[in-house]
Amino acid sequence: MIPIRIHIGDEAYIDGISITPDEFYAIVQKEGVIPKTAHPTYRDFKAKYQFLGSHYKSLISIHLSKTMSNTLNAAELVKRDTPITTIAVVDSGSTSIGMGLVVQYAAELANAGIAHDEICRRIEDIKTKTKFFSFFFSAFVIIQTCCSNPGQVK
């Protein structure tokens, strides 16, 4: 994983490195601000791809949906400039749990010894079958919770 940048007020953090999830929620609750995020930098991707490329003959880099983040574009730029190994940059077409399911599936295939190109083909196939649904009993409860205590929403 390549961590994202998180900005809360005037402070900047690197997810999982300079701030934990518990610290994140505590700060957001205390400050009462909505955090902003930024995709990993070119240097972050370059360093990770070079490191992994020195240990593996090919990489599959699965990212948030390009409709939700510019992370995929950043990864594509680094892929173009990193000819040392075969890199497949994949749009998961999802976020959160949906993306996690795609990543888990790809890892299982890799651990089973499936070849790089076949894993990429299967990922494209499973993406069309991966759906994530949320069901809320009452929109009023969600709105009331968000408006009356925004720091408690996780």
C-alpha atoms as a PDB file:
ATOM      1  CA  MET A   1       0.000   0.000   0.000  1.00  0.00           C
ATOM      2  CA  ILE A   2       1.005   3.559  -0.675  1.00  0.00           C
ATOM      3  CA  PRO A   3      -0.530   5.884   1.928  1.00  0.00           C
ATOM      4  CA  ILE A   4      -2.592   8.947   1.074  1.00  0.00           C
ATOM      5  CA  ARG A   5      -2.017  12.436   2.471  1.00  0.00           C
ATOM      6  CA  ILE A   6      -4.590  13.741   4.928  1.00  0.00           C
ATOM      7  CA  HIS A   7      -5.099  17.429   5.675  1.00  0.00           C
ATOM      8  CA  ILE A   8      -7.063  18.436   8.765  1.00  0.00           C
ATOM      9  CA  GLY A   9      -7.153  22.175   9.190  1.00  0.00           C
ATOM     10  CA  ASP A  10      -3.570  23.425   8.909  1.00  0.00           C
ATOM     11  CA  GLU A  11      -2.013  20.039   9.720  1.00  0.00           C
ATOM     12  CA  ALA A  12      -0.871  17.443   7.178  1.00  0.00           C
ATOM     13  CA  TYR A  13      -0.497  13.723   7.866  1.00  0.00           C
ATOM     14  CA  ILE A  14       0.455  10.537   6.043  1.00  0.00           C
ATOM     15  CA  ASP A  15      -2.184   7.856   6.572  1.00  0.00           C
ATOM     16  CA  GLY A  16      -0.944   5.075   8.836  1.00  0.00           C
ATOM     17  CA  ILE A  17       2.479   6.666   9.259  1.00  0.00           C
ATOM     18  CA  SER A  18       2.025   9.991  11.016  1.00  0.00           C
ATOM     19  CA  ILE A  19      -1.577   9.396  12.091  1.00  0.00           C
ATOM     20  CA  THR A  20      -3.507   6.296  13.162  1.00  0.00           C
ATOM     21  CA  PRO A  21      -7.222   5.779  12.478  1.00  0.00           C
ATOM     22  CA  ASP A  22      -8.011   6.407  16.161  1.00  0.00           C
ATOM     23  CA  GLU A  23      -5.999   9.650  16.144  1.00  0.00           C
ATOM     24  CA  PHE A  24      -7.699  10.678  12.896  1.00  0.00           C
ATOM     25  CA  TYR A  25     -11.205  10.304  14.333  1.00  0.00           C
ATOM     26  CA  ALA A  26     -10.230  11.993  17.600  1.00  0.00           C
ATOM     27  CA  ILE A  27      -8.805  15.025  15.785  1.00  0.00           C
ATOM     28  CA  VAL A  28     -11.771  15.291  13.414  1.00  0.00           C
ATOM     29  CA  GLN A  29     -14.180  15.120  16.356  1.00  0.00           C
ATOM     30  CA  LYS A  30     -12.219  17.684  18.370  1.00  0.00           C
ATOM     31  CA  GLU A  31     -11.614  20.119  15.505  1.00  0.00           C
ATOM     32  CA  GLY A  32     -15.043  19.686  13.921  1.00  0.00           C
ATOM     33  CA  VAL A  33     -13.624  20.042  10.406  1.00  0.00           C
ATOM     34  CA  ILE A  34     -14.001  17.846   7.369  1.00  0.00           C
ATOM     35  CA  PRO A  35     -10.588  16.456   6.392  1.00  0.00           C
ATOM     36  CA  LYS A  36      -9.220  16.634   2.870  1.00  0.00           C
ATOM     37  CA  THR A  37      -7.136  13.961   1.198  1.00  0.00           C
ATOM     38  CA  ALA A  38      -4.580  13.893  -1.583  1.00  0.00           C
ATOM     39  CA  HIS A  39      -3.332  10.943  -3.586  1.00  0.00           C
ATOM     40  CA  PRO A  40       0.199   9.650  -3.001  1.00  0.00           C
ATOM     41  CA  THR A  41       2.910  11.714  -4.675  1.00  0.00           C
ATOM     42  CA  TYR A  42       4.833  10.756  -7.782  1.00  0.00           C
ATOM     43  CA  ARG A  43       7.880  10.102  -5.562  1.00  0.00           C
ATOM     44  CA  ASP A  44       5.834   7.825  -3.282  1.00  0.00           C
ATOM     45  CA  PHE A  45       4.726   5.709  -6.243  1.00  0.00           C
ATOM     46  CA  LYS A  46       8.177   5.728  -7.848  1.00  0.00           C
ATOM     47  CA  ALA A  47       9.899   4.553  -4.665  1.00  0.00           C
ATOM     48  CA  LYS A  48       7.339   1.770  -4.063  1.00  0.00           C
ATOM     49  CA  TYR A  49       7.362   0.572  -7.681  1.00  0.00           C
ATOM     50  CA  GLN A  50      11.177   0.557  -7.808  1.00  0.00           C
ATOM     51  CA  PHE A  51      11.421  -1.335  -4.531  1.00  0.00           C
ATOM     52  CA  LEU A  52       8.824  -3.924  -5.529  1.00  0.00           C
ATOM     53  CA  GLY A  53      10.280  -4.127  -9.049  1.00  0.00           C
ATOM     54  CA  SER A  54      13.627  -5.128  -7.557  1.00  0.00           C
ATOM     55  CA  HIS A  55      11.936  -8.119  -5.888  1.00  0.00           C
ATOM     56  CA  TYR A  56       9.261  -9.167  -8.397  1.00  0.00           C
ATOM     57  CA  LYS A  57       9.181  -9.529 -12.176  1.00  0.00           C
ATOM     58  CA  SER A  58       5.744  -7.910 -12.466  1.00  0.00           C
ATOM     59  CA  LEU A  59       3.400  -5.761 -10.392  1.00  0.00           C
ATOM     60  CA  ILE A  60      -0.355  -5.299 -10.298  1.00  0.00           C
ATOM     61  CA  SER A  61      -1.283  -1.967  -8.759  1.00  0.00           C
ATOM     62  CA  ILE A  62      -5.011  -1.760  -7.896  1.00  0.00           C
ATOM     63  CA  HIS A  63      -6.506   1.641  -7.087  1.00  0.00           C
ATOM     64  CA  LEU A  64      -9.628   3.540  -6.109  1.00  0.00           C
ATOM     65  CA  SER A  65     -12.047   4.232  -8.916  1.00  0.00           C
ATOM     66  CA  LYS A  66     -10.795   7.015 -11.168  1.00  0.00           C
ATOM     67  CA  THR A  67     -14.181   8.660 -10.711  1.00  0.00           C
ATOM     68  CA  MET A  68     -13.391   9.092  -6.992  1.00  0.00           C
ATOM     69  CA  SER A  69      -9.683   9.927  -6.967  1.00  0.00           C
ATOM     70  CA  ASN A  70      -6.759  11.021  -9.123  1.00  0.00           C
ATOM     71  CA  THR A  71      -4.648   8.209  -7.673  1.00  0.00           C
ATOM     72  CA  LEU A  72      -4.968   6.068 -10.802  1.00  0.00           C
ATOM     73  CA  ASN A  73      -3.638   8.874 -13.017  1.00  0.00           C
ATOM     74  CA  ALA A  74      -0.669   9.404 -10.701  1.00  0.00           C
ATOM     75  CA  ALA A  75       0.115   5.686 -10.796  1.00  0.00           C
ATOM     76  CA  GLU A  76      -0.124   5.664 -14.615  1.00  0.00           C
ATOM     77  CA  LEU A  77       2.424   8.496 -14.854  1.00  0.00           C
ATOM     78  CA  VAL A  78       4.917   6.578 -12.736  1.00  0.00           C
ATOM     79  CA  LYS A  79       4.268   3.337 -14.642  1.00  0.00           C
ATOM     80  CA  ARG A  80       5.145   5.124 -17.879  1.00  0.00           C
ATOM     81  CA  ASP A  81       8.415   6.354 -16.359  1.00  0.00           C
ATOM     82  CA  THR A  82       9.347   3.021 -14.710  1.00  0.00           C
ATOM     83  CA  PRO A  83      10.485   0.612 -17.439  1.00  0.00           C
ATOM     84  CA  ILE A  84      12.291  -1.707 -15.009  1.00  0.00           C
ATOM     85  CA  THR A  85       9.380  -4.082 -14.605  1.00  0.00           C
ATOM     86  CA  THR A  86       5.950  -4.964 -15.953  1.00  0.00           C
ATOM     87  CA  ILE A  87       3.346  -2.909 -14.106  1.00  0.00           C
ATOM     88  CA  ALA A  88      -0.400  -3.214 -14.557  1.00  0.00           C
ATOM     89  CA  VAL A  89      -2.266  -0.211 -13.143  1.00  0.00           C
ATOM     90  CA  VAL A  90      -5.862  -1.256 -12.479  1.00  0.00           C
ATOM     91  CA  ASP A  91      -8.944   0.854 -11.788  1.00  0.00           C
ATOM     92  CA  SER A  92     -10.869  -1.185  -9.208  1.00  0.00           C
ATOM     93  CA  GLY A  93     -14.043   0.586 -10.281  1.00  0.00           C
ATOM     94  CA  SER A  94     -14.873   0.857  -6.605  1.00  0.00           C
ATOM     95  CA  THR A  95     -13.833   2.113  -3.189  1.00  0.00           C
ATOM     96  CA  SER A  96     -13.646   0.685   0.298  1.00  0.00           C
ATOM     97  CA  ILE A  97     -15.070  -2.828   0.577  1.00  0.00           C
ATOM     98  CA  GLY A  98     -15.563  -3.247  -3.168  1.00  0.00           C
ATOM     99  CA  MET A  99     -11.937  -2.406  -3.854  1.00  0.00           C
ATOM    100  CA  GLY A 100     -10.818  -4.630  -0.991  1.00  0.00           C
ATOM    101  CA  LEU A 101     -12.653  -7.580  -2.512  1.00  0.00           C
ATOM    102  CA  VAL A 102     -10.894  -7.044  -5.852  1.00  0.00           C
ATOM    103  CA  VAL A 103      -7.495  -6.756  -4.126  1.00  0.00           C
ATOM    104  CA  GLN A 104      -8.146  -9.887  -2.050  1.00  0.00           C
ATOM    105  CA  TYR A 105      -9.152 -11.822  -5.173  1.00  0.00           C
ATOM    106  CA  ALA A 106      -5.985 -10.713  -7.014  1.00  0.00           C
ATOM    107  CA  ALA A 107      -3.818 -11.725  -4.035  1.00  0.00           C
ATOM    108  CA  GLU A 108      -5.438 -15.149  -3.886  1.00  0.00           C
ATOM    109  CA  LEU A 109      -4.756 -15.659  -7.593  1.00  0.00           C
ATOM    110  CA  ALA A 110      -1.134 -14.559  -7.212  1.00  0.00           C
ATOM    111  CA  ASN A 111      -0.641 -16.873  -4.226  1.00  0.00           C
ATOM    112  CA  ALA A 112      -2.073 -19.713  -6.325  1.00  0.00           C
ATOM    113  CA  GLY A 113       0.645 -19.116  -8.925  1.00  0.00           C
ATOM    114  CA  ILE A 114      -1.600 -17.661 -11.643  1.00  0.00           C
ATOM    115  CA  ALA A 115       0.354 -15.655 -14.260  1.00  0.00           C
ATOM    116  CA  HIS A 116       0.342 -11.839 -14.305  1.00  0.00           C
ATOM    117  CA  ASP A 117      -1.675 -11.423 -17.525  1.00  0.00           C
ATOM    118  CA  GLU A 118      -4.265 -13.984 -16.426  1.00  0.00           C
ATOM    119  CA  ILE A 119      -4.684 -12.247 -13.065  1.00  0.00           C
ATOM    120  CA  CYS A 120      -5.279  -8.942 -14.880  1.00  0.00           C
ATOM    121  CA  ARG A 121      -7.861 -10.588 -17.143  1.00  0.00           C
ATOM    122  CA  ARG A 122      -9.663 -12.142 -14.179  1.00  0.00           C
ATOM    123  CA  ILE A 123      -9.619  -8.847 -12.272  1.00  0.00           C
ATOM    124  CA  GLU A 124     -11.359  -7.124 -15.183  1.00  0.00           C
ATOM    125  CA  ASP A 125     -13.960  -9.900 -15.188  1.00  0.00           C
ATOM    126  CA  ILE A 126     -14.598  -9.843 -11.415  1.00  0.00           C
ATOM    127  CA  LYS A 127     -14.875  -6.026 -11.352  1.00  0.00           C
ATOM    128  CA  THR A 128     -18.070  -6.239 -13.384  1.00  0.00           C
ATOM    129  CA  LYS A 129     -19.474  -8.697 -10.845  1.00  0.00           C
ATOM    130  CA  THR A 130     -18.406  -6.834  -7.697  1.00  0.00           C
ATOM    131  CA  LYS A 131     -21.200  -4.809  -6.176  1.00  0.00           C
ATOM    132  CA  PHE A 132     -21.439  -3.184  -2.792  1.00  0.00           C
ATOM    133  CA  PHE A 133     -24.757  -2.062  -1.398  1.00  0.00           C
ATOM    134  CA  SER A 134     -25.548  -0.014   1.679  1.00  0.00           C
ATOM    135  CA  PHE A 135     -28.951  -0.013   3.265  1.00  0.00           C
ATOM    136  CA  PHE A 136     -30.102   2.657   5.645  1.00  0.00           C
ATOM    137  CA  PHE A 137     -33.261   2.236   7.676  1.00  0.00           C
ATOM    138  CA  SER A 138     -33.930   5.938   7.773  1.00  0.00           C
ATOM    139  CA  ALA A 139     -32.392   8.889   5.975  1.00  0.00           C
ATOM    140  CA  PHE A 140     -33.710  11.047   8.812  1.00  0.00           C
ATOM    141  CA  VAL A 141     -31.493   9.191  11.315  1.00  0.00           C
ATOM    142  CA  ILE A 142     -28.447   9.682   9.104  1.00  0.00           C
ATOM    143  CA  ILE A 143     -29.122  13.375   8.582  1.00  0.00           C
ATOM    144  CA  GLN A 144     -29.921  13.899  12.265  1.00  0.00           C
ATOM    145  CA  THR A 145     -26.725  12.112  13.311  1.00  0.00           C
ATOM    146  CA  CYS A 146     -24.569  14.031  10.836  1.00  0.00           C
ATOM    147  CA  CYS A 147     -25.992  17.406  11.704  1.00  0.00           C
ATOM    148  CA  SER A 148     -26.188  17.023  15.474  1.00  0.00           C
ATOM    149  CA  ASN A 149     -22.850  15.297  16.020  1.00  0.00           C
ATOM    150  CA  PRO A 150     -20.674  15.234  12.862  1.00  0.00           C
ATOM    151  CA  GLY A 151     -17.619  13.988  14.753  1.00  0.00           C
ATOM    152  CA  GLN A 152     -19.365  10.702  15.568  1.00  0.00           C
ATOM    153  CA  VAL A 153     -19.958   9.725  11.930  1.00  0.00           C
ATOM    154  CA  LYS A 154     -17.351   7.210  10.793  1.00  0.00           C
END
